Amino acid sequence: MRYVIILYLAFGIALLFVGFFATGACPLKNMNPISDAIFVVTWPVYLFIDVIRGPLSMGSWLHLQSCQGGLRVLR
């Protein structure tokens, strides 16, 4: 069980790094540690809301978190 939690958190951190380095130019990086921690813990929820059911692509979703102030719930 411990390894599942570690893998889950590691995947969230990896998604955060992909957003910082692989989604294009990032003039205003999101350096808020609270926002980043919330993203790492709740990434499946935001993935479902914003990408699977919502209007964002995977790349724009990651770019929104890392370069545009963090995720917001889209309605």
Protein backbone atom coordinates (compact mmCIF):
# COMPACT_ATOMS: atom_id res chain seq x y z
CA MET A 1 0.00 0.00 0.00
CA ARG A 2 2.88 2.31 0.77
CA TYR A 3 4.25 1.84 -2.74
CA VAL A 4 0.91 2.69 -4.31
CA ILE A 5 0.82 6.00 -2.43
CA ILE A 6 4.43 6.74 -3.34
CA LEU A 7 3.70 5.96 -7.00
CA TYR A 8 0.57 8.15 -6.95
CA LEU A 9 2.48 11.12 -5.52
CA ALA A 10 5.46 10.54 -7.82
CA PHE A 11 3.15 10.58 -10.84
CA GLY A 12 1.64 13.89 -9.65
CA ILE A 13 5.11 15.40 -9.25
CA ALA A 14 6.11 14.11 -12.68
CA LEU A 15 3.02 15.76 -14.22
CA LEU A 16 3.98 19.01 -12.52
CA PHE A 17 7.50 18.87 -13.97
CA VAL A 18 6.14 18.06 -17.43
CA GLY A 19 3.95 21.14 -17.16
CA PHE A 20 6.93 23.32 -16.27
CA PHE A 21 9.32 22.06 -18.92
CA ALA A 22 7.42 20.50 -21.83
CA THR A 23 4.38 22.68 -22.51
CA GLY A 24 6.06 25.64 -24.16
CA ALA A 25 7.20 29.06 -23.05
CA CYS A 26 6.43 29.84 -19.45
CA PRO A 27 6.85 33.59 -18.80
CA LEU A 28 5.10 33.51 -15.41
CA LYS A 29 5.84 30.29 -13.52
CA ASN A 30 3.48 29.23 -10.77
CA MET A 31 5.77 29.27 -7.74
CA ASN A 32 2.99 28.88 -5.17
CA PRO A 33 3.86 25.76 -3.16
CA ILE A 34 0.29 25.41 -1.83
CA SER A 35 -1.14 25.30 -5.35
CA ASP A 36 1.51 22.80 -6.43
CA ALA A 37 0.88 20.58 -3.40
CA ILE A 38 -2.87 20.61 -4.03
CA PHE A 39 -2.23 19.67 -7.66
CA VAL A 40 0.04 16.76 -6.69
CA VAL A 41 -2.56 15.37 -4.29
CA THR A 42 -5.69 15.97 -6.38
CA TRP A 43 -4.47 15.55 -9.97
CA PRO A 44 -6.92 12.72 -10.88
CA VAL A 45 -9.90 14.86 -9.92
CA TYR A 46 -8.73 17.81 -11.99
CA LEU A 47 -7.80 15.50 -14.85
CA PHE A 48 -11.33 14.11 -14.92
CA ILE A 49 -13.06 17.51 -14.55
CA ASP A 50 -10.90 19.58 -16.89
CA VAL A 51 -9.61 17.12 -19.51
CA ILE A 52 -11.94 14.13 -19.74
CA ARG A 53 -15.23 15.98 -19.22
CA GLY A 54 -14.04 19.53 -19.83
CA PRO A 55 -12.71 21.59 -22.71
CA LEU A 56 -8.95 21.36 -22.05
CA SER A 57 -6.35 19.17 -23.68
CA MET A 58 -3.70 17.45 -21.59
CA GLY A 59 -1.00 19.95 -22.59
CA SER A 60 -3.11 23.01 -21.91
CA TRP A 61 -4.20 21.53 -18.58
CA LEU A 62 -0.59 21.09 -17.48
CA HIS A 63 0.35 24.52 -18.84
CA LEU A 64 -2.50 26.09 -16.88
CA GLN A 65 -1.16 24.63 -13.64
CA SER A 66 2.49 25.43 -14.17
CA CYS A 67 2.47 28.72 -16.07
CA GLN A 68 -0.82 30.50 -15.54
CA GLY A 69 -1.42 30.64 -11.81
CA GLY A 70 -2.66 27.15 -11.11
CA LEU A 71 -5.80 25.19 -11.84
CA ARG A 72 -9.26 26.58 -11.49
CA VAL A 73 -12.45 24.57 -11.64
CA LEU A 74 -14.05 25.13 -15.02
CA ARG A 75 -17.82 25.40 -15.24
